[in-house]
Amino acid sequence: MLRMLPEGKFKRYWFCLLSKELYCYRKKDEEKHKGMHSLVGVYIRDEEKEEKLENGTTVYPFKLIFP
């Protein structure tokens, strides 16, 4: 998954959803997660339109809204 950084650049991360917890990894084969978020009470909001990156990749943005 690509994550937008505050500078407006995209960085690739890997995520694993286990039950109601979302684990974030920097590399695909890492055993230790970089972060974990509990998704209890979290809402997902789709952004209105897809975006094309400079390399031709299409992204479908969404936001996680934490209470």
C-alpha atoms as a PDB file:
ATOM      1  CA  MET A   1       0.000   0.000   0.000  1.00  0.00           C
ATOM      2  CA  LEU A   2       1.239   3.512  -0.671  1.00  0.00           C
ATOM      3  CA  ARG A   3       1.036   6.008   2.163  1.00  0.00           C
ATOM      4  CA  MET A   4       1.169   9.766   1.561  1.00  0.00           C
ATOM      5  CA  LEU A   5       3.793  11.470   3.688  1.00  0.00           C
ATOM      6  CA  PRO A   6       3.371  15.050   5.004  1.00  0.00           C
ATOM      7  CA  GLU A   7       5.690  16.299   2.226  1.00  0.00           C
ATOM      8  CA  GLY A   8       3.202  15.004  -0.358  1.00  0.00           C
ATOM      9  CA  LYS A   9       5.432  12.087  -1.419  1.00  0.00           C
ATOM     10  CA  PHE A  10       4.298   8.465  -1.413  1.00  0.00           C
ATOM     11  CA  LYS A  11       6.083   5.681   0.457  1.00  0.00           C
ATOM     12  CA  ARG A  12       5.378   1.955   0.177  1.00  0.00           C
ATOM     13  CA  TYR A  13       4.313   0.108   3.340  1.00  0.00           C
ATOM     14  CA  TRP A  14       2.912  -3.352   3.967  1.00  0.00           C
ATOM     15  CA  PHE A  15      -0.115  -3.841   6.208  1.00  0.00           C
ATOM     16  CA  CYS A  16      -1.630  -6.875   7.884  1.00  0.00           C
ATOM     17  CA  LEU A  17      -5.177  -6.882   9.263  1.00  0.00           C
ATOM     18  CA  LEU A  18      -5.610  -9.312  12.174  1.00  0.00           C
ATOM     19  CA  SER A  19      -9.044  -9.212  13.774  1.00  0.00           C
ATOM     20  CA  LYS A  20      -9.557  -5.518  14.639  1.00  0.00           C
ATOM     21  CA  GLU A  21      -5.885  -4.532  14.589  1.00  0.00           C
ATOM     22  CA  LEU A  22      -3.941  -3.134  11.637  1.00  0.00           C
ATOM     23  CA  TYR A  23      -0.177  -3.833  11.682  1.00  0.00           C
ATOM     24  CA  CYS A  24       2.236  -1.752   9.590  1.00  0.00           C
ATOM     25  CA  TYR A  25       5.579  -2.987   8.208  1.00  0.00           C
ATOM     26  CA  ARG A  26       8.266  -1.126   6.269  1.00  0.00           C
ATOM     27  CA  LYS A  27       9.332  -4.200   4.300  1.00  0.00           C
ATOM     28  CA  LYS A  28       7.319  -7.163   3.055  1.00  0.00           C
ATOM     29  CA  ASP A  29       9.379  -9.814   4.887  1.00  0.00           C
ATOM     30  CA  GLU A  30       9.826  -8.044   8.248  1.00  0.00           C
ATOM     31  CA  GLU A  31       8.825  -9.942  11.369  1.00  0.00           C
ATOM     32  CA  LYS A  32       8.686  -6.930  13.720  1.00  0.00           C
ATOM     33  CA  HIS A  33       5.924  -4.445  12.933  1.00  0.00           C
ATOM     34  CA  LYS A  34       6.595  -0.699  12.749  1.00  0.00           C
ATOM     35  CA  GLY A  35       3.240   0.209  14.255  1.00  0.00           C
ATOM     36  CA  MET A  36      -0.171  -1.131  15.215  1.00  0.00           C
ATOM     37  CA  HIS A  37      -3.567   0.552  15.238  1.00  0.00           C
ATOM     38  CA  SER A  38      -6.691  -0.724  16.919  1.00  0.00           C
ATOM     39  CA  LEU A  39      -9.596  -0.284  14.504  1.00  0.00           C
ATOM     40  CA  VAL A  40     -12.346  -0.476  17.126  1.00  0.00           C
ATOM     41  CA  GLY A  41     -14.714   2.422  16.373  1.00  0.00           C
ATOM     42  CA  VAL A  42     -12.743   3.552  13.297  1.00  0.00           C
ATOM     43  CA  TYR A  43     -14.536   4.706  10.146  1.00  0.00           C
ATOM     44  CA  ILE A  44     -13.266   4.439   6.569  1.00  0.00           C
ATOM     45  CA  ARG A  45     -13.962   7.315   4.178  1.00  0.00           C
ATOM     46  CA  ASP A  46     -13.374   6.922   0.447  1.00  0.00           C
ATOM     47  CA  GLU A  47     -11.951   9.945  -1.279  1.00  0.00           C
ATOM     48  CA  GLU A  48     -13.980  11.220  -4.199  1.00  0.00           C
ATOM     49  CA  LYS A  49     -11.656  10.441  -7.079  1.00  0.00           C
ATOM     50  CA  GLU A  50      -8.780   8.220  -8.029  1.00  0.00           C
ATOM     51  CA  GLU A  51      -5.388   9.755  -8.779  1.00  0.00           C
ATOM     52  CA  LYS A  52      -2.709   8.942 -11.352  1.00  0.00           C
ATOM     53  CA  LEU A  53       0.916   9.050 -10.259  1.00  0.00           C
ATOM     54  CA  GLU A  54       3.753  10.196 -12.521  1.00  0.00           C
ATOM     55  CA  ASN A  55       4.713   6.591 -13.289  1.00  0.00           C
ATOM     56  CA  GLY A  56       1.179   5.810 -14.532  1.00  0.00           C
ATOM     57  CA  THR A  57       0.045   3.953 -11.396  1.00  0.00           C
ATOM     58  CA  THR A  58      -3.570   4.594 -10.392  1.00  0.00           C
ATOM     59  CA  VAL A  59      -4.246   5.023  -6.672  1.00  0.00           C
ATOM     60  CA  TYR A  60      -7.629   4.853  -4.949  1.00  0.00           C
ATOM     61  CA  PRO A  61      -7.269   7.017  -1.819  1.00  0.00           C
ATOM     62  CA  PHE A  62      -9.173   6.528   1.424  1.00  0.00           C
ATOM     63  CA  LYS A  63      -8.843   7.816   4.972  1.00  0.00           C
ATOM     64  CA  LEU A  64      -9.161   6.104   8.320  1.00  0.00           C
ATOM     65  CA  ILE A  65     -11.089   8.320  10.742  1.00  0.00           C
ATOM     66  CA  PHE A  66     -10.146   7.591  14.364  1.00  0.00           C
ATOM     67  CA  PRO A  67     -12.595   8.608  17.116  1.00  0.00           C
END
